[in-house]
N, C-alpha and C. Protein backbone atom coordinates (compact mmCIF):
# COMPACT_ATOMS: atom_id res chain seq x y z
N UNK A 1 194.45 140.34 -29.40
CA UNK A 1 195.08 139.78 -30.19
C UNK A 1 194.56 137.96 -30.15
N UNK A 2 193.87 137.69 -31.62
CA UNK A 2 193.63 136.39 -31.40
C UNK A 2 193.89 135.42 -32.99
N UNK A 3 194.74 134.73 -33.26
CA UNK A 3 195.36 134.26 -34.28
C UNK A 3 194.60 132.74 -33.61
N UNK A 4 194.62 132.36 -34.86
CA UNK A 4 193.91 130.60 -35.24
C UNK A 4 194.26 130.08 -36.96
N UNK A 5 194.02 128.68 -36.59
CA UNK A 5 194.19 128.16 -37.97
C UNK A 5 193.80 127.15 -37.94
N UNK A 6 193.35 126.24 -38.79
CA UNK A 6 192.61 124.92 -38.98
C UNK A 6 193.36 124.41 -40.45
N UNK A 7 193.28 122.74 -40.37
CA UNK A 7 193.18 122.39 -41.06
C UNK A 7 193.23 121.05 -41.20
N UNK A 8 193.22 120.41 -42.36
CA UNK A 8 192.52 118.61 -42.79
C UNK A 8 193.25 117.97 -43.49
N UNK A 9 193.26 116.64 -43.21
CA UNK A 9 194.83 115.74 -43.74
C UNK A 9 193.58 115.18 -44.34
N UNK A 10 193.27 114.66 -45.53
CA UNK A 10 192.61 113.85 -46.04
C UNK A 10 193.19 112.39 -45.75
N UNK A 11 192.98 111.26 -45.02
CA UNK A 11 193.70 109.95 -45.61
C UNK A 11 192.89 109.14 -46.60
N UNK A 12 191.88 108.78 -47.08
CA UNK A 12 191.32 108.15 -47.55
C UNK A 12 189.69 109.08 -48.09
N UNK A 13 188.91 108.74 -48.84
CA UNK A 13 187.88 109.20 -49.22
C UNK A 13 186.42 108.91 -48.00
N UNK A 14 186.01 108.07 -47.56
CA UNK A 14 185.51 108.21 -45.86
C UNK A 14 186.73 108.78 -44.53
N UNK A 15 187.64 108.95 -44.73
CA UNK A 15 188.53 108.83 -43.42
C UNK A 15 189.62 110.15 -43.62
N UNK A 16 189.16 111.26 -42.45
CA UNK A 16 190.17 112.63 -42.64
C UNK A 16 190.36 112.46 -40.97
N UNK A 17 190.78 113.88 -40.85
CA UNK A 17 191.49 114.18 -39.75
C UNK A 17 191.28 115.80 -39.38
N UNK A 18 190.38 116.50 -39.40
CA UNK A 18 190.08 117.72 -38.78
C UNK A 18 191.37 118.56 -37.43
N UNK A 19 191.97 119.47 -37.88
CA UNK A 19 192.66 120.31 -36.55
C UNK A 19 192.25 121.59 -36.57
N UNK A 20 192.39 122.16 -35.26
CA UNK A 20 192.62 123.50 -35.06
C UNK A 20 193.29 123.98 -33.79
N UNK A 21 194.10 125.16 -33.94
CA UNK A 21 194.82 125.63 -32.84
C UNK A 21 194.14 127.58 -33.06
N UNK A 22 194.39 128.13 -31.92
CA UNK A 22 193.86 128.99 -31.44
C UNK A 22 194.82 129.63 -30.94
N UNK A 23 195.11 131.15 -30.42
CA UNK A 23 196.04 131.94 -29.08
C UNK A 23 195.18 133.19 -29.12
N UNK A 24 194.46 133.40 -27.91
CA UNK A 24 194.59 134.61 -27.64
C UNK A 24 195.34 135.21 -26.08
N UNK A 25 195.48 136.37 -26.56
CA UNK A 25 196.48 137.64 -25.80
C UNK A 25 195.44 138.79 -25.54
N UNK A 26 195.39 139.34 -24.11
CA UNK A 26 194.86 140.52 -24.27
C UNK A 26 195.47 141.01 -22.79
N UNK A 27 195.27 142.41 -22.82
CA UNK A 27 196.20 142.86 -21.67
C UNK A 27 195.39 143.92 -21.13
N UNK A 28 194.91 144.78 -20.42
CA UNK A 28 194.88 146.15 -19.84
C UNK A 28 194.82 146.59 -18.73
N UNK A 29 195.31 147.68 -18.24
CA UNK A 29 195.19 148.68 -16.73
C UNK A 29 193.55 149.33 -16.69
N UNK A 30 193.45 148.80 -15.25
CA UNK A 30 191.32 149.00 -14.71
C UNK A 30 192.00 149.81 -13.66
N UNK A 31 191.78 151.40 -13.04
CA UNK A 31 191.77 151.81 -11.97
C UNK A 31 190.65 151.57 -11.24
N UNK A 32 190.65 151.76 -10.19
CA UNK A 32 189.11 151.77 -9.04
C UNK A 32 189.96 152.56 -8.24
N UNK A 33 188.72 152.62 -7.49
CA UNK A 33 189.00 154.09 -6.44
C UNK A 33 190.38 154.06 -5.14
N UNK A 34 190.81 152.49 -5.20
CA UNK A 34 192.40 152.34 -4.27
C UNK A 34 192.94 151.68 -4.67
N UNK A 35 193.17 151.29 -6.03
CA UNK A 35 193.90 150.68 -7.15
C UNK A 35 193.76 150.75 -8.58
N UNK A 36 195.12 150.28 -9.20
CA UNK A 36 195.16 150.22 -10.00
C UNK A 36 195.75 149.48 -10.98
N UNK A 37 194.89 148.09 -11.48
CA UNK A 37 194.96 146.53 -11.55
C UNK A 37 195.62 146.90 -13.05
N UNK A 38 196.50 145.97 -12.85
CA UNK A 38 197.14 145.26 -14.35
C UNK A 38 197.11 143.88 -14.57
N UNK A 39 196.49 143.48 -16.12
CA UNK A 39 195.48 141.95 -16.02
C UNK A 39 196.32 141.95 -17.25
N UNK A 40 196.88 140.52 -17.54
CA UNK A 40 197.43 140.31 -18.78
C UNK A 40 197.16 138.20 -19.04
N UNK A 41 196.01 138.32 -19.80
CA UNK A 41 195.48 136.76 -19.99
C UNK A 41 196.23 135.79 -21.32
N UNK A 42 196.34 134.37 -21.20
CA UNK A 42 197.40 134.24 -22.44
C UNK A 42 195.75 132.63 -22.65
N UNK A 43 195.78 132.30 -24.17
CA UNK A 43 194.49 131.15 -24.12
C UNK A 43 195.03 130.57 -24.83
N UNK A 44 196.22 129.67 -25.16
CA UNK A 44 196.22 128.85 -26.41
C UNK A 44 195.14 127.31 -26.23
N UNK A 45 195.00 127.16 -27.68
CA UNK A 45 194.33 125.38 -27.14
C UNK A 45 194.42 124.83 -28.70
N UNK A 46 193.56 123.58 -28.41
CA UNK A 46 193.98 122.87 -29.96
C UNK A 46 192.67 122.23 -30.26
N UNK A 47 192.16 121.39 -30.92
CA UNK A 47 191.57 120.37 -31.11
C UNK A 47 191.51 119.15 -32.26
N UNK A 48 191.20 117.54 -32.30
CA UNK A 48 192.12 117.05 -33.11
C UNK A 48 190.27 116.42 -33.37
N UNK A 49 190.44 116.08 -34.41
CA UNK A 49 189.07 115.46 -34.57
C UNK A 49 188.95 114.67 -36.00
N UNK A 50 188.81 113.30 -35.59
CA UNK A 50 188.99 112.21 -36.85
C UNK A 50 187.67 111.68 -37.25
N UNK A 51 186.81 111.99 -38.42
CA UNK A 51 185.97 111.57 -39.38
C UNK A 51 186.32 111.01 -40.06
N UNK A 52 185.64 109.46 -39.52
CA UNK A 52 184.95 108.04 -40.15
C UNK A 52 183.63 108.44 -40.80
N UNK A 53 183.03 108.38 -42.50
CA UNK A 53 181.81 108.07 -43.30
C UNK A 53 182.11 106.29 -43.53
N UNK A 54 180.59 105.80 -43.21
CA UNK A 54 180.07 105.07 -43.64
C UNK A 54 178.99 104.64 -44.07
N UNK A 55 178.68 103.76 -44.92
CA UNK A 55 177.14 103.94 -45.31
C UNK A 55 176.86 104.02 -47.10
N UNK A 56 175.33 103.61 -47.49
CA UNK A 56 175.32 103.94 -48.74
C UNK A 56 173.99 105.11 -48.81
N UNK A 57 172.97 105.12 -49.96
CA UNK A 57 172.28 105.50 -50.18
C UNK A 57 171.11 106.17 -48.81
N UNK A 58 170.89 104.69 -48.54
CA UNK A 58 169.47 104.47 -47.79
C UNK A 58 169.84 105.45 -46.58
N UNK A 59 171.30 105.10 -45.43
CA UNK A 59 171.60 104.98 -44.72
C UNK A 59 172.98 105.45 -44.67
N UNK A 60 173.50 106.68 -43.59
CA UNK A 60 174.56 106.49 -43.54
C UNK A 60 175.30 107.32 -42.23
N UNK A 61 176.13 106.65 -42.09
CA UNK A 61 177.00 106.71 -40.39
C UNK A 61 178.17 107.42 -40.29
N UNK A 62 177.89 109.21 -39.60
CA UNK A 62 179.54 109.56 -39.14
C UNK A 62 179.74 109.28 -37.48
N UNK A 63 180.87 109.08 -37.54
CA UNK A 63 181.18 108.91 -36.24
C UNK A 63 183.24 109.64 -36.07
N UNK A 64 182.62 110.52 -35.04
CA UNK A 64 184.31 111.27 -34.84
C UNK A 64 184.55 111.25 -33.57
N UNK A 65 185.54 110.57 -33.12
CA UNK A 65 185.89 110.63 -32.11
C UNK A 65 187.33 111.66 -31.89
N UNK A 66 187.50 112.81 -31.01
CA UNK A 66 188.19 113.85 -30.99
C UNK A 66 188.66 114.19 -29.47
N UNK A 67 189.57 114.86 -29.73
CA UNK A 67 190.50 115.49 -28.68
C UNK A 67 190.74 116.91 -28.03
N UNK A 68 190.30 117.68 -27.37
CA UNK A 68 189.82 118.60 -26.98
C UNK A 68 191.20 119.72 -26.05
N UNK A 69 192.30 120.58 -26.22
CA UNK A 69 193.02 120.99 -24.92
C UNK A 69 193.19 122.08 -24.90
N UNK A 70 193.18 122.71 -23.76
CA UNK A 70 192.90 124.73 -24.05
C UNK A 70 193.97 124.65 -22.44
N UNK A 71 194.11 126.03 -22.77
CA UNK A 71 194.86 126.29 -21.38
C UNK A 71 194.90 128.09 -20.67
N UNK A 72 194.77 128.24 -19.71
CA UNK A 72 194.69 129.99 -19.22
C UNK A 72 195.59 130.30 -18.38
N UNK A 73 196.13 131.24 -19.09
CA UNK A 73 196.93 132.28 -18.00
C UNK A 73 196.62 133.63 -17.87
N UNK A 74 196.45 133.61 -16.25
CA UNK A 74 196.07 135.19 -15.81
C UNK A 74 197.61 135.91 -14.80
N UNK A 75 197.91 136.82 -15.74
CA UNK A 75 198.82 137.49 -14.71
C UNK A 75 198.45 138.97 -14.44
N UNK A 76 197.87 139.49 -12.89
CA UNK A 76 197.64 140.08 -12.38
C UNK A 76 198.74 140.80 -11.35
N UNK A 77 198.77 142.19 -11.30
CA UNK A 77 198.97 143.08 -10.11
C UNK A 77 198.41 144.28 -9.94
N UNK A 78 198.92 145.10 -8.41
CA UNK A 78 197.90 145.92 -8.07
C UNK A 78 198.70 147.01 -7.95
N UNK A 79 198.66 148.37 -8.27
CA UNK A 79 199.19 149.02 -7.29
C UNK A 79 198.85 150.07 -6.77
N UNK A 80 198.75 150.91 -5.56
CA UNK A 80 198.08 151.95 -5.14
C UNK A 80 197.55 153.06 -5.99
N UNK A 81 196.25 153.18 -5.60
CA UNK A 81 195.95 154.08 -6.71
C UNK A 81 196.11 155.90 -5.88
N UNK A 82 197.15 156.99 -6.46
CA UNK A 82 197.16 157.83 -5.97
C UNK A 82 196.23 159.14 -6.20
N UNK A 83 195.41 158.55 -7.25
CA UNK A 83 194.44 160.02 -7.54
C UNK A 83 194.96 160.26 -8.83
N UNK A 84 193.76 159.99 -10.10
CA UNK A 84 194.04 160.93 -11.50
C UNK A 84 194.53 159.61 -12.22
N UNK A 85 194.46 158.04 -11.69
CA UNK A 85 195.14 157.48 -12.22
C UNK A 85 196.24 157.20 -11.80
N UNK A 86 197.46 157.51 -10.88
CA UNK A 86 198.65 157.46 -10.91
C UNK A 86 198.89 156.96 -9.59
N UNK A 87 199.92 155.68 -10.73
CA UNK A 87 200.37 154.63 -9.47
C UNK A 87 201.67 155.00 -8.44
N UNK A 88 201.34 154.25 -7.61
CA UNK A 88 201.95 154.28 -6.64
C UNK A 88 203.68 153.10 -6.96
N UNK A 89 204.29 152.67 -6.23
CA UNK A 89 205.61 152.40 -6.97
C UNK A 89 205.58 150.15 -6.01
N UNK A 90 204.73 151.05 -4.76
CA UNK A 90 204.40 149.45 -4.59
C UNK A 90 203.33 148.40 -4.58
N UNK A 91 203.75 147.41 -4.62
CA UNK A 91 202.83 146.12 -5.16
C UNK A 91 201.52 146.52 -3.78
N UNK A 92 200.57 146.19 -3.71
CA UNK A 92 199.49 145.68 -3.34
C UNK A 92 198.99 144.19 -3.39
N UNK A 93 199.55 143.75 -4.60
CA UNK A 93 198.87 142.22 -4.95
C UNK A 93 199.46 141.63 -6.11
N UNK A 94 199.99 140.92 -5.76
CA UNK A 94 200.52 139.99 -7.30
C UNK A 94 200.05 138.43 -7.65
N UNK A 95 199.88 138.37 -8.34
CA UNK A 95 199.01 136.57 -8.39
C UNK A 95 198.80 136.05 -10.13
N UNK A 96 199.16 134.62 -10.21
CA UNK A 96 199.84 134.70 -10.83
C UNK A 96 198.46 133.34 -11.07
N UNK A 97 197.43 133.13 -11.76
CA UNK A 97 196.52 132.02 -12.23
C UNK A 97 196.70 131.14 -13.30
N UNK A 98 196.73 129.41 -13.05
CA UNK A 98 196.58 128.82 -14.62
C UNK A 98 195.93 127.79 -14.60
N UNK A 99 195.45 127.15 -15.19
CA UNK A 99 194.17 126.47 -15.36
C UNK A 99 194.49 125.42 -16.63
N UNK A 100 194.12 124.42 -16.79
CA UNK A 100 194.04 123.50 -17.77
C UNK A 100 193.09 123.08 -18.25
N UNK A 101 192.09 122.24 -19.06
CA UNK A 101 191.27 122.09 -20.00
C UNK A 101 191.16 121.03 -20.93
N UNK A 102 191.17 119.73 -20.30
CA UNK A 102 190.83 118.71 -21.46
C UNK A 102 189.88 117.48 -22.27
N UNK A 103 189.47 117.52 -23.14
CA UNK A 103 188.49 116.91 -23.15
C UNK A 103 188.18 115.78 -24.23
N UNK A 104 187.75 114.78 -24.16
CA UNK A 104 187.93 113.98 -24.98
C UNK A 104 185.68 113.78 -25.10
N UNK A 105 185.75 113.48 -26.83
CA UNK A 105 184.56 113.74 -27.41
C UNK A 105 184.46 113.06 -28.47
N UNK A 106 182.93 112.15 -28.91
CA UNK A 106 182.46 111.39 -29.23
C UNK A 106 181.52 111.76 -30.15
N UNK A 107 181.11 111.48 -31.59
CA UNK A 107 180.13 111.99 -32.21
C UNK A 107 179.47 111.32 -33.11
N UNK A 108 178.43 110.52 -33.04
CA UNK A 108 178.10 109.68 -33.89
C UNK A 108 176.48 110.10 -34.64
N UNK A 109 176.79 110.29 -35.89
CA UNK A 109 175.22 110.24 -36.43
C UNK A 109 174.80 110.01 -37.58
N UNK A 110 173.53 109.22 -37.34
CA UNK A 110 173.11 108.39 -38.71
C UNK A 110 171.77 108.83 -39.29
N UNK A 111 172.52 109.18 -40.48
CA UNK A 111 171.98 110.32 -41.35
C UNK A 111 171.15 109.12 -42.19
N UNK A 112 169.48 109.12 -42.21
CA UNK A 112 168.61 108.24 -42.92
C UNK A 112 168.30 108.72 -45.17
N UNK A 113 168.46 108.15 -45.44
CA UNK A 113 168.50 108.38 -47.12
C UNK A 113 167.28 109.56 -47.99
N UNK A 114 167.14 109.88 -48.48
CA UNK A 114 165.97 110.75 -49.15
C UNK A 114 164.99 109.69 -49.36
N UNK A 115 165.42 108.88 -49.31
CA UNK A 115 163.57 107.28 -49.13
C UNK A 115 163.83 106.81 -48.37
N UNK A 116 164.25 107.40 -47.25
CA UNK A 116 163.43 106.10 -45.44
C UNK A 116 162.83 106.00 -45.73
């Protein structure tokens, strides 16, 4: 399952804020020769980007600072494979992994006009 949304807030003709957010969930069961693995992934994140536009016909400048955040959670456990994808009730392993990512960025685009 993946869901997301985007939005734009216009403050002035040359200044706005773009936002986007998403959430992804995935889970599955995988049988191997020795064990049956159960995994669940959750991945939310969002981005904010400010946009400044300046200039006239001869030269335009687009300056966009922004912020990005994402998170990953993996939950996994394993049971012994008794054959035919039948699982024992005993845990072979159980682990949870978490990861965060944060980013700052700055985009600067200079665009010459058609009569450059």
